[in-house]
Amino acid sequence: MFLQIKNNVINRVIPGAISGQGSAAFVVDTTTDFLTVNDAKQLKILIEAINNEPLKDPIARAMWYHEYATRVKEIDVRWTFIATGLENLIHTDRHNSTKQFVKRIRELSKKIEFNDICESEARDMYDFRSSLAHGMGLNGISQSKIKLYKKMEDILRLTIRKSILDKDFKAFLSDKDRIKKEWPVK
């Protein structure tokens, strides 16, 4: 992709030569299926930050799950990818996976100033992910589930963004011992 910028204003966006399966991307909210000038400016900042300091695990892997999810139209598949991306960031031990997800997603959402998530929603996110990952079909999806999915996707996207721009936050998420200490699961 090439952005033509004159006088700090984006005049033209020229997409790269992309074809095949990876050329499509899907969004849940089709009312915001576009980039604004501000989005493009933010994208430039993020790309420059990544070029200066490439992402490493677990943030690189979480971003892979997020980006792969955007290539899939089916929300049940997307759900498992987004939840796995989040788990990759906050899961520190083999046991108590549900407790880790519920407790730490709430803590993570506070860290990124996304304060619109309650414990029952975090539990529903994980329980629904488990159902989907273990073969339960959707049989249709309610608007409340779509809203819950969107929150989960927003948390992952905002976490990745903050990790790219905030070295201390990136260091925190890269240190499983620190996560266990600051966000204990009992």
N, C-alpha and C. Protein backbone atom coordinates (compact mmCIF):
# COMPACT_ATOMS: atom_id res chain seq x y z
N MET A 1 0.85 -1.17 0.00
CA MET A 1 0.00 0.00 0.00
C MET A 1 0.89 1.23 0.00
N PHE A 2 0.47 2.22 -0.72
CA PHE A 2 1.21 3.47 -0.81
C PHE A 2 0.27 4.61 -0.45
N LEU A 3 0.70 5.45 0.49
CA LEU A 3 -0.08 6.62 0.87
C LEU A 3 0.60 7.85 0.29
N GLN A 4 -0.14 8.62 -0.48
CA GLN A 4 0.39 9.87 -1.00
C GLN A 4 -0.05 10.98 -0.05
N ILE A 5 0.93 11.62 0.60
CA ILE A 5 0.63 12.65 1.60
C ILE A 5 1.25 13.96 1.14
N LYS A 6 0.44 15.00 1.12
CA LYS A 6 0.91 16.35 0.80
C LYS A 6 0.42 17.29 1.89
N ASN A 7 1.33 18.10 2.40
CA ASN A 7 0.98 19.05 3.46
C ASN A 7 0.28 18.37 4.63
N ASN A 8 0.79 17.19 5.00
CA ASN A 8 0.27 16.43 6.13
C ASN A 8 -1.18 15.97 5.93
N VAL A 9 -1.61 15.88 4.68
CA VAL A 9 -2.96 15.42 4.35
C VAL A 9 -2.83 14.25 3.38
N ILE A 10 -3.56 13.19 3.63
CA ILE A 10 -3.54 12.04 2.73
C ILE A 10 -4.40 12.37 1.53
N ASN A 11 -3.76 12.39 0.35
CA ASN A 11 -4.48 12.70 -0.88
C ASN A 11 -4.94 11.46 -1.62
N ARG A 12 -4.17 10.38 -1.46
CA ARG A 12 -4.47 9.20 -2.23
C ARG A 12 -3.93 7.95 -1.54
N VAL A 13 -4.68 6.88 -1.59
CA VAL A 13 -4.23 5.59 -1.09
C VAL A 13 -4.20 4.66 -2.29
N ILE A 14 -3.04 4.06 -2.53
CA ILE A 14 -2.89 3.15 -3.65
C ILE A 14 -2.61 1.77 -3.08
N PRO A 15 -3.57 0.86 -3.21
CA PRO A 15 -3.36 -0.48 -2.65
C PRO A 15 -2.28 -1.23 -3.42
N GLY A 16 -1.60 -2.10 -2.70
CA GLY A 16 -0.59 -2.93 -3.32
C GLY A 16 -1.24 -4.00 -4.18
N ALA A 17 -0.42 -4.67 -4.95
CA ALA A 17 -0.92 -5.75 -5.81
C ALA A 17 -1.19 -6.98 -4.96
N ILE A 18 -2.40 -7.11 -4.52
CA ILE A 18 -2.78 -8.21 -3.64
C ILE A 18 -3.87 -9.02 -4.34
N SER A 19 -3.67 -10.32 -4.35
CA SER A 19 -4.70 -11.18 -4.93
C SER A 19 -4.71 -12.50 -4.17
N GLY A 20 -5.70 -13.28 -4.45
CA GLY A 20 -5.80 -14.59 -3.80
C GLY A 20 -6.54 -14.52 -2.48
N GLN A 21 -6.40 -15.58 -1.70
CA GLN A 21 -7.16 -15.72 -0.47
C GLN A 21 -6.90 -14.60 0.54
N GLY A 22 -5.67 -14.11 0.63
CA GLY A 22 -5.33 -13.06 1.59
C GLY A 22 -5.75 -11.66 1.17
N SER A 23 -6.41 -11.53 0.04
CA SER A 23 -6.76 -10.19 -0.44
C SER A 23 -8.06 -9.67 0.17
N ALA A 24 -8.78 -10.51 0.86
CA ALA A 24 -10.05 -10.09 1.45
C ALA A 24 -9.89 -9.91 2.96
N ALA A 25 -10.62 -8.97 3.49
CA ALA A 25 -10.68 -8.78 4.93
C ALA A 25 -12.13 -8.50 5.29
N PHE A 26 -12.53 -8.95 6.46
CA PHE A 26 -13.92 -8.83 6.88
C PHE A 26 -13.99 -8.10 8.21
N VAL A 27 -15.06 -7.37 8.41
CA VAL A 27 -15.32 -6.68 9.66
C VAL A 27 -16.70 -7.09 10.16
N VAL A 28 -16.88 -6.99 11.44
CA VAL A 28 -18.17 -7.32 12.03
C VAL A 28 -19.13 -6.15 11.85
N ASP A 29 -18.64 -4.95 12.07
CA ASP A 29 -19.45 -3.75 11.96
C ASP A 29 -19.23 -3.13 10.58
N THR A 30 -20.13 -3.41 9.65
CA THR A 30 -19.96 -2.93 8.28
C THR A 30 -20.25 -1.43 8.12
N THR A 31 -20.70 -0.78 9.19
CA THR A 31 -20.91 0.67 9.11
C THR A 31 -19.59 1.43 9.22
N THR A 32 -18.52 0.72 9.63
CA THR A 32 -17.20 1.36 9.72
C THR A 32 -16.19 0.61 8.85
N ASP A 33 -16.60 0.22 7.67
CA ASP A 33 -15.78 -0.55 6.75
C ASP A 33 -14.97 0.38 5.84
N PHE A 34 -14.16 1.24 6.46
CA PHE A 34 -13.37 2.20 5.70
C PHE A 34 -12.27 2.75 6.60
N LEU A 35 -11.27 3.37 5.99
CA LEU A 35 -10.21 4.05 6.74
C LEU A 35 -10.44 5.55 6.64
N THR A 36 -10.33 6.22 7.77
CA THR A 36 -10.41 7.67 7.77
C THR A 36 -9.00 8.24 7.63
N VAL A 37 -8.89 9.53 7.43
CA VAL A 37 -7.59 10.18 7.37
C VAL A 37 -6.86 9.97 8.69
N ASN A 38 -7.57 10.08 9.81
CA ASN A 38 -6.94 9.86 11.12
C ASN A 38 -6.46 8.41 11.26
N ASP A 39 -7.26 7.44 10.75
CA ASP A 39 -6.83 6.04 10.78
C ASP A 39 -5.51 5.87 10.03
N ALA A 40 -5.42 6.48 8.87
CA ALA A 40 -4.20 6.36 8.06
C ALA A 40 -3.00 6.98 8.78
N LYS A 41 -3.21 8.11 9.44
CA LYS A 41 -2.13 8.73 10.19
C LYS A 41 -1.68 7.83 11.35
N GLN A 42 -2.65 7.22 12.02
CA GLN A 42 -2.32 6.30 13.11
C GLN A 42 -1.59 5.07 12.57
N LEU A 43 -2.02 4.59 11.41
CA LEU A 43 -1.38 3.44 10.78
C LEU A 43 0.09 3.74 10.47
N LYS A 44 0.35 4.93 9.99
CA LYS A 44 1.72 5.35 9.70
C LYS A 44 2.58 5.30 10.97
N ILE A 45 2.05 5.80 12.07
CA ILE A 45 2.76 5.79 13.35
C ILE A 45 3.05 4.35 13.79
N LEU A 46 2.05 3.48 13.66
CA LEU A 46 2.23 2.08 14.06
C LEU A 46 3.27 1.37 13.19
N ILE A 47 3.20 1.60 11.88
CA ILE A 47 4.17 0.97 10.98
C ILE A 47 5.59 1.44 11.29
N GLU A 48 5.75 2.73 11.54
CA GLU A 48 7.07 3.26 11.88
C GLU A 48 7.58 2.65 13.19
N ALA A 49 6.69 2.52 14.17
CA ALA A 49 7.09 1.93 15.46
C ALA A 49 7.51 0.47 15.29
N ILE A 50 6.77 -0.29 14.48
CA ILE A 50 7.12 -1.70 14.24
C ILE A 50 8.43 -1.79 13.45
N ASN A 51 8.62 -0.89 12.49
CA ASN A 51 9.87 -0.91 11.73
C ASN A 51 11.06 -0.60 12.62
N ASN A 52 10.88 0.28 13.61
CA ASN A 52 11.96 0.63 14.53
C ASN A 52 12.24 -0.48 15.54
N GLU A 53 11.19 -1.18 15.93
CA GLU A 53 11.35 -2.27 16.90
C GLU A 53 10.35 -3.37 16.57
N PRO A 54 10.76 -4.34 15.76
CA PRO A 54 9.85 -5.40 15.34
C PRO A 54 9.22 -6.13 16.52
N LEU A 55 8.00 -6.58 16.32
CA LEU A 55 7.28 -7.28 17.39
C LEU A 55 7.87 -8.67 17.61
N LYS A 56 7.83 -9.09 18.86
CA LYS A 56 8.25 -10.43 19.25
C LYS A 56 7.09 -11.07 20.00
N ASP A 57 7.20 -12.37 20.22
CA ASP A 57 6.16 -13.05 21.00
C ASP A 57 6.15 -12.52 22.42
N PRO A 58 5.01 -12.44 23.03
CA PRO A 58 3.71 -12.94 22.62
C PRO A 58 2.89 -11.96 21.78
N ILE A 59 3.35 -10.71 21.65
CA ILE A 59 2.57 -9.71 20.92
C ILE A 59 2.52 -10.05 19.43
N ALA A 60 3.63 -10.50 18.86
CA ALA A 60 3.65 -10.86 17.44
C ALA A 60 2.65 -11.98 17.15
N ARG A 61 2.59 -12.95 18.03
CA ARG A 61 1.66 -14.07 17.83
C ARG A 61 0.21 -13.60 18.01
N ALA A 62 -0.03 -12.76 18.98
CA ALA A 62 -1.39 -12.22 19.18
C ALA A 62 -1.83 -11.43 17.95
N MET A 63 -0.90 -10.67 17.38
CA MET A 63 -1.23 -9.91 16.17
C MET A 63 -1.52 -10.85 15.01
N TRP A 64 -0.77 -11.95 14.91
CA TRP A 64 -1.02 -12.92 13.85
C TRP A 64 -2.44 -13.46 13.97
N TYR A 65 -2.86 -13.83 15.18
CA TYR A 65 -4.23 -14.34 15.37
C TYR A 65 -5.27 -13.28 14.99
N HIS A 66 -5.00 -12.04 15.38
CA HIS A 66 -5.94 -10.96 15.03
C HIS A 66 -6.01 -10.79 13.51
N GLU A 67 -4.88 -10.72 12.87
CA GLU A 67 -4.86 -10.51 11.42
C GLU A 67 -5.46 -11.70 10.68
N TYR A 68 -5.19 -12.90 11.14
CA TYR A 68 -5.77 -14.08 10.49
C TYR A 68 -7.29 -14.06 10.64
N ALA A 69 -7.77 -13.64 11.80
CA ALA A 69 -9.22 -13.57 12.02
C ALA A 69 -9.89 -12.63 11.02
N THR A 70 -9.22 -11.55 10.65
CA THR A 70 -9.83 -10.61 9.71
C THR A 70 -9.99 -11.20 8.32
N ARG A 71 -9.30 -12.27 8.04
CA ARG A 71 -9.38 -12.91 6.72
C ARG A 71 -10.49 -13.95 6.64
N VAL A 72 -11.17 -14.15 7.75
CA VAL A 72 -12.21 -15.17 7.83
C VAL A 72 -13.56 -14.49 8.02
N LYS A 73 -14.53 -14.89 7.23
CA LYS A 73 -15.86 -14.28 7.30
C LYS A 73 -16.70 -14.86 8.44
N GLU A 74 -16.53 -16.13 8.73
CA GLU A 74 -17.37 -16.83 9.71
C GLU A 74 -17.00 -16.42 11.12
N ILE A 75 -17.97 -15.89 11.86
CA ILE A 75 -17.69 -15.35 13.19
C ILE A 75 -17.32 -16.43 14.19
N ASP A 76 -17.82 -17.66 14.01
CA ASP A 76 -17.44 -18.71 14.96
C ASP A 76 -15.96 -19.04 14.87
N VAL A 77 -15.39 -18.99 13.68
CA VAL A 77 -13.97 -19.23 13.51
C VAL A 77 -13.19 -18.02 14.02
N ARG A 78 -13.68 -16.84 13.68
CA ARG A 78 -13.02 -15.61 14.15
C ARG A 78 -12.97 -15.58 15.68
N TRP A 79 -14.06 -15.99 16.31
CA TRP A 79 -14.16 -15.96 17.78
C TRP A 79 -13.00 -16.74 18.40
N THR A 80 -12.76 -17.94 17.88
CA THR A 80 -11.69 -18.76 18.48
C THR A 80 -10.32 -18.14 18.23
N PHE A 81 -10.11 -17.51 17.08
CA PHE A 81 -8.83 -16.86 16.81
C PHE A 81 -8.60 -15.67 17.73
N ILE A 82 -9.62 -14.84 17.90
CA ILE A 82 -9.47 -13.64 18.74
C ILE A 82 -9.25 -14.06 20.20
N ALA A 83 -10.03 -15.03 20.67
CA ALA A 83 -9.85 -15.51 22.06
C ALA A 83 -8.45 -16.11 22.24
N THR A 84 -7.97 -16.84 21.25
CA THR A 84 -6.64 -17.43 21.34
C THR A 84 -5.57 -16.34 21.35
N GLY A 85 -5.76 -15.29 20.57
CA GLY A 85 -4.83 -14.16 20.59
C GLY A 85 -4.74 -13.54 21.97
N LEU A 86 -5.90 -13.37 22.61
CA LEU A 86 -5.93 -12.82 23.97
C LEU A 86 -5.28 -13.79 24.96
N GLU A 87 -5.63 -15.05 24.84
CA GLU A 87 -5.02 -16.06 25.74
C GLU A 87 -3.51 -16.06 25.62
N ASN A 88 -3.03 -15.92 24.42
CA ASN A 88 -1.59 -15.89 24.19
C ASN A 88 -0.91 -14.81 25.02
N LEU A 89 -1.61 -13.71 25.26
CA LEU A 89 -1.04 -12.59 26.01
C LEU A 89 -1.13 -12.77 27.53
N ILE A 90 -2.15 -13.44 28.02
CA ILE A 90 -2.40 -13.44 29.46
C ILE A 90 -2.36 -14.83 30.11
N HIS A 91 -2.23 -15.88 29.34
CA HIS A 91 -2.23 -17.24 29.88
C HIS A 91 -0.82 -17.59 30.32
N THR A 92 -0.64 -17.93 31.59
CA THR A 92 0.70 -18.19 32.12
C THR A 92 0.90 -19.61 32.63
N ASP A 93 -0.18 -20.31 32.90
CA ASP A 93 -0.08 -21.65 33.48
C ASP A 93 -1.02 -22.61 32.77
N ARG A 94 -0.71 -23.88 32.87
CA ARG A 94 -1.51 -24.90 32.20
C ARG A 94 -2.90 -25.06 32.82
N HIS A 95 -3.01 -24.83 34.10
CA HIS A 95 -4.28 -25.05 34.81
C HIS A 95 -5.05 -23.75 35.00
N ASN A 96 -6.33 -23.88 35.30
CA ASN A 96 -7.21 -22.74 35.58
C ASN A 96 -7.31 -21.78 34.39
N SER A 97 -7.44 -22.32 33.21
CA SER A 97 -7.50 -21.49 32.01
C SER A 97 -8.68 -20.52 32.03
N THR A 98 -9.83 -20.99 32.45
CA THR A 98 -11.00 -20.11 32.49
C THR A 98 -10.78 -18.98 33.48
N LYS A 99 -10.28 -19.30 34.67
CA LYS A 99 -10.02 -18.26 35.67
C LYS A 99 -8.99 -17.25 35.17
N GLN A 100 -7.94 -17.75 34.52
CA GLN A 100 -6.93 -16.84 33.98
C GLN A 100 -7.55 -15.88 32.97
N PHE A 101 -8.36 -16.42 32.08
CA PHE A 101 -8.97 -15.59 31.05
C PHE A 101 -9.90 -14.56 31.67
N VAL A 102 -10.80 -15.00 32.51
CA VAL A 102 -11.81 -14.09 33.10
C VAL A 102 -11.14 -12.99 33.91
N LYS A 103 -10.26 -13.36 34.81
CA LYS A 103 -9.60 -12.37 35.68
C LYS A 103 -8.72 -11.43 34.88
N ARG A 104 -7.90 -12.01 34.03
CA ARG A 104 -6.89 -11.19 33.36
C ARG A 104 -7.42 -10.38 32.19
N ILE A 105 -8.47 -10.83 31.56
CA ILE A 105 -9.08 -10.00 30.50
C ILE A 105 -9.66 -8.74 31.12
N ARG A 106 -10.25 -8.88 32.29
CA ARG A 106 -10.75 -7.67 32.97
C ARG A 106 -9.60 -6.74 33.32
N GLU A 107 -8.51 -7.29 33.85
CA GLU A 107 -7.34 -6.47 34.20
C GLU A 107 -6.72 -5.85 32.95
N LEU A 108 -6.60 -6.64 31.91
CA LEU A 108 -6.05 -6.15 30.65
C LEU A 108 -6.90 -5.01 30.09
N SER A 109 -8.19 -5.17 30.14
CA SER A 109 -9.08 -4.13 29.60
C SER A 109 -8.92 -2.83 30.39
N LYS A 110 -8.68 -2.93 31.69
CA LYS A 110 -8.43 -1.72 32.48
C LYS A 110 -7.11 -1.06 32.06
N LYS A 111 -6.09 -1.88 31.82
CA LYS A 111 -4.77 -1.36 31.43
C LYS A 111 -4.82 -0.58 30.12
N ILE A 112 -5.69 -1.01 29.23
CA ILE A 112 -5.79 -0.33 27.93
C ILE A 112 -6.92 0.70 27.93
N GLU A 113 -7.50 0.92 29.11
CA GLU A 113 -8.57 1.90 29.30
C GLU A 113 -9.82 1.56 28.50
N PHE A 114 -10.10 0.27 28.39
CA PHE A 114 -11.33 -0.22 27.79
C PHE A 114 -12.15 -0.76 28.96
N ASN A 115 -12.87 0.12 29.60
CA ASN A 115 -13.55 -0.22 30.86
C ASN A 115 -14.97 -0.70 30.67
N ASP A 116 -15.26 -1.23 29.51
CA ASP A 116 -16.62 -1.63 29.19
C ASP A 116 -16.77 -3.15 29.18
N ILE A 117 -16.16 -3.82 30.17
CA ILE A 117 -16.25 -5.27 30.23
C ILE A 117 -16.44 -5.70 31.68
N CYS A 118 -17.39 -6.57 31.91
CA CYS A 118 -17.63 -7.07 33.26
C CYS A 118 -17.22 -8.54 33.32
N GLU A 119 -17.15 -9.07 34.54
CA GLU A 119 -16.69 -10.44 34.73
C GLU A 119 -17.56 -11.45 33.99
N SER A 120 -18.88 -11.25 34.03
CA SER A 120 -19.76 -12.21 33.36
C SER A 120 -19.54 -12.20 31.85
N GLU A 121 -19.23 -11.03 31.28
CA GLU A 121 -18.95 -10.97 29.84
C GLU A 121 -17.64 -11.69 29.52
N ALA A 122 -16.63 -11.49 30.34
CA ALA A 122 -15.36 -12.18 30.13
C ALA A 122 -15.56 -13.69 30.21
N ARG A 123 -16.37 -14.13 31.17
CA ARG A 123 -16.66 -15.56 31.30
C ARG A 123 -17.42 -16.07 30.07
N ASP A 124 -18.40 -15.30 29.61
CA ASP A 124 -19.16 -15.69 28.41
C ASP A 124 -18.25 -15.77 27.18
N MET A 125 -17.31 -14.84 27.08
CA MET A 125 -16.36 -14.87 25.96
C MET A 125 -15.61 -16.19 25.94
N TYR A 126 -15.11 -16.59 27.11
CA TYR A 126 -14.30 -17.80 27.18
C TYR A 126 -15.17 -19.05 27.04
N ASP A 127 -16.31 -19.06 27.69
CA ASP A 127 -17.19 -20.23 27.58
C ASP A 127 -17.65 -20.45 26.15
N PHE A 128 -18.00 -19.36 25.46
CA PHE A 128 -18.45 -19.49 24.08
C PHE A 128 -17.29 -19.92 23.18
N ARG A 129 -16.10 -19.40 23.45
CA ARG A 129 -14.92 -19.84 22.72
C ARG A 129 -14.68 -21.32 22.90
N SER A 130 -14.84 -21.80 24.13
CA SER A 130 -14.65 -23.23 24.40
C SER A 130 -15.67 -24.07 23.65
N SER A 131 -16.91 -23.63 23.67
CA SER A 131 -17.96 -24.36 22.94
C SER A 131 -17.64 -24.44 21.46
N LEU A 132 -17.23 -23.32 20.87
CA LEU A 132 -16.93 -23.29 19.45
C LEU A 132 -15.69 -24.12 19.13
N ALA A 133 -14.66 -23.99 19.95
CA ALA A 133 -13.40 -24.71 19.71
C ALA A 133 -13.58 -26.21 19.84
N HIS A 134 -14.57 -26.64 20.61
CA HIS A 134 -14.78 -28.06 20.83
C HIS A 134 -15.94 -28.61 20.00
N GLY A 135 -16.27 -27.90 18.92
CA GLY A 135 -17.17 -28.47 17.94
C GLY A 135 -18.64 -28.09 18.01
N MET A 136 -19.02 -27.23 18.94
CA MET A 136 -20.42 -26.81 19.01
C MET A 136 -20.65 -25.78 17.91
N GLY A 137 -21.70 -25.97 17.15
CA GLY A 137 -22.01 -25.03 16.08
C GLY A 137 -22.72 -23.79 16.60
N LEU A 138 -22.83 -22.81 15.75
CA LEU A 138 -23.51 -21.57 16.13
C LEU A 138 -25.02 -21.70 16.06
N ASN A 139 -25.52 -22.27 14.99
CA ASN A 139 -26.96 -22.30 14.75
C ASN A 139 -27.54 -20.89 14.84
N GLY A 140 -26.88 -19.97 14.19
CA GLY A 140 -27.29 -18.57 14.26
C GLY A 140 -26.60 -17.90 15.44
N ILE A 141 -26.45 -16.60 15.35
CA ILE A 141 -25.80 -15.88 16.44
C ILE A 141 -26.62 -14.65 16.77
N SER A 142 -26.82 -14.43 18.04
CA SER A 142 -27.64 -13.31 18.49
C SER A 142 -26.87 -12.00 18.40
N GLN A 143 -27.59 -10.91 18.42
CA GLN A 143 -26.96 -9.58 18.41
C GLN A 143 -26.12 -9.38 19.68
N SER A 144 -26.56 -9.95 20.80
CA SER A 144 -25.78 -9.79 22.03
C SER A 144 -24.44 -10.52 21.91
N LYS A 145 -24.41 -11.66 21.23
CA LYS A 145 -23.14 -12.38 21.02
C LYS A 145 -22.24 -11.60 20.06
N ILE A 146 -22.82 -10.98 19.04
CA ILE A 146 -22.03 -10.17 18.11
C ILE A 146 -21.41 -8.99 18.86
N LYS A 147 -22.19 -8.37 19.73
CA LYS A 147 -21.69 -7.25 20.54
C LYS A 147 -20.55 -7.72 21.45
N LEU A 148 -20.70 -8.90 22.05
CA LEU A 148 -19.67 -9.45 22.91
C LEU A 148 -18.40 -9.76 22.10
N TYR A 149 -18.57 -10.34 20.92
CA TYR A 149 -17.43 -10.61 20.06
C TYR A 149 -16.69 -9.31 19.73
N LYS A 150 -17.42 -8.29 19.37
CA LYS A 150 -16.81 -7.00 19.01
C LYS A 150 -15.98 -6.45 20.17
N LYS A 151 -16.48 -6.58 21.41
CA LYS A 151 -15.72 -6.14 22.58
C LYS A 151 -14.41 -6.92 22.68
N MET A 152 -14.49 -8.23 22.48
CA MET A 152 -13.31 -9.06 22.59
C MET A 152 -12.29 -8.68 21.51
N GLU A 153 -12.76 -8.45 20.30
CA GLU A 153 -11.87 -8.04 19.21
C GLU A 153 -11.26 -6.67 19.50
N ASP A 154 -12.07 -5.75 20.04
CA ASP A 154 -11.56 -4.42 20.40
C ASP A 154 -10.46 -4.51 21.45
N ILE A 155 -10.66 -5.36 22.45
CA ILE A 155 -9.64 -5.52 23.50
C ILE A 155 -8.33 -6.01 22.90
N LEU A 156 -8.41 -7.01 22.03
CA LEU A 156 -7.19 -7.53 21.42
C LEU A 156 -6.52 -6.46 20.55
N ARG A 157 -7.28 -5.79 19.72
CA ARG A 157 -6.71 -4.78 18.83
C ARG A 157 -6.08 -3.64 19.62
N LEU A 158 -6.77 -3.14 20.64
CA LEU A 158 -6.24 -2.04 21.45
C LEU A 158 -5.02 -2.46 22.26
N THR A 159 -4.99 -3.72 22.68
CA THR A 159 -3.83 -4.24 23.40
C THR A 159 -2.61 -4.30 22.49
N ILE A 160 -2.81 -4.79 21.28
CA ILE A 160 -1.70 -4.86 20.33
C ILE A 160 -1.20 -3.44 20.03
N ARG A 161 -2.13 -2.54 19.81
CA ARG A 161 -1.76 -1.14 19.51
C ARG A 161 -0.93 -0.55 20.64
N LYS A 162 -1.41 -0.71 21.88
CA LYS A 162 -0.69 -0.17 23.04
C LYS A 162 0.68 -0.83 23.17
N SER A 163 0.77 -2.11 22.87
CA SER A 163 2.05 -2.82 22.94
C SER A 163 3.05 -2.29 21.92
N ILE A 164 2.57 -1.90 20.77
CA ILE A 164 3.44 -1.35 19.74
C ILE A 164 3.99 0.01 20.16
N LEU A 165 3.15 0.80 20.80
CA LEU A 165 3.50 2.19 21.12
C LEU A 165 4.10 2.39 22.51
N ASP A 166 3.89 1.45 23.42
CA ASP A 166 4.31 1.61 24.81
C ASP A 166 5.28 0.48 25.20
N LYS A 167 6.56 0.80 25.25
CA LYS A 167 7.59 -0.22 25.53
C LYS A 167 7.42 -0.88 26.89
N ASP A 168 6.99 -0.12 27.90
CA ASP A 168 6.79 -0.69 29.23
C ASP A 168 5.65 -1.70 29.23
N PHE A 169 4.58 -1.37 28.52
CA PHE A 169 3.44 -2.28 28.42
C PHE A 169 3.84 -3.54 27.66
N LYS A 170 4.60 -3.37 26.59
CA LYS A 170 5.09 -4.51 25.82
C LYS A 170 5.95 -5.42 26.70
N ALA A 171 6.82 -4.81 27.50
CA ALA A 171 7.68 -5.59 28.40
C ALA A 171 6.85 -6.34 29.44
N PHE A 172 5.81 -5.70 29.95
CA PHE A 172 4.93 -6.35 30.93
C PHE A 172 4.29 -7.59 30.32
N LEU A 173 3.69 -7.44 29.13
CA LEU A 173 3.02 -8.58 28.50
C LEU A 173 3.98 -9.68 28.07
N SER A 174 5.24 -9.35 27.93
CA SER A 174 6.24 -10.35 27.54
C SER A 174 6.82 -11.09 28.73
N ASP A 175 6.42 -10.73 29.93
CA ASP A 175 6.97 -11.31 31.15
C ASP A 175 5.88 -12.07 31.91
N LYS A 176 5.80 -13.38 31.69
CA LYS A 176 4.75 -14.21 32.30
C LYS A 176 4.80 -14.16 33.83
N ASP A 177 6.01 -14.08 34.40
CA ASP A 177 6.13 -14.01 35.86
C ASP A 177 5.53 -12.71 36.39
N ARG A 178 5.74 -11.64 35.69
CA ARG A 178 5.18 -10.35 36.11
C ARG A 178 3.66 -10.36 36.00
N ILE A 179 3.14 -10.97 34.95
CA ILE A 179 1.69 -11.09 34.80
C ILE A 179 1.12 -11.88 35.98
N LYS A 180 1.76 -13.01 36.32
CA LYS A 180 1.28 -13.82 37.45
C LYS A 180 1.32 -13.05 38.75
N LYS A 181 2.36 -12.24 38.94
CA LYS A 181 2.50 -11.47 40.17
C LYS A 181 1.46 -10.35 40.26
N GLU A 182 1.31 -9.60 39.17
CA GLU A 182 0.42 -8.44 39.19
C GLU A 182 -1.06 -8.81 39.00
N TRP A 183 -1.32 -9.92 38.31
CA TRP A 183 -2.69 -10.38 38.07
C TRP A 183 -2.83 -11.82 38.54
N PRO A 184 -2.70 -12.08 39.85
CA PRO A 184 -2.77 -13.45 40.33
C PRO A 184 -4.15 -14.06 40.12
N VAL A 185 -4.16 -15.36 39.93
CA VAL A 185 -5.41 -16.12 39.77
C VAL A 185 -5.53 -17.04 40.97
N LYS A 186 -6.59 -16.85 41.72
CA LYS A 186 -6.78 -17.68 42.93
C LYS A 186 -8.00 -18.52 42.81
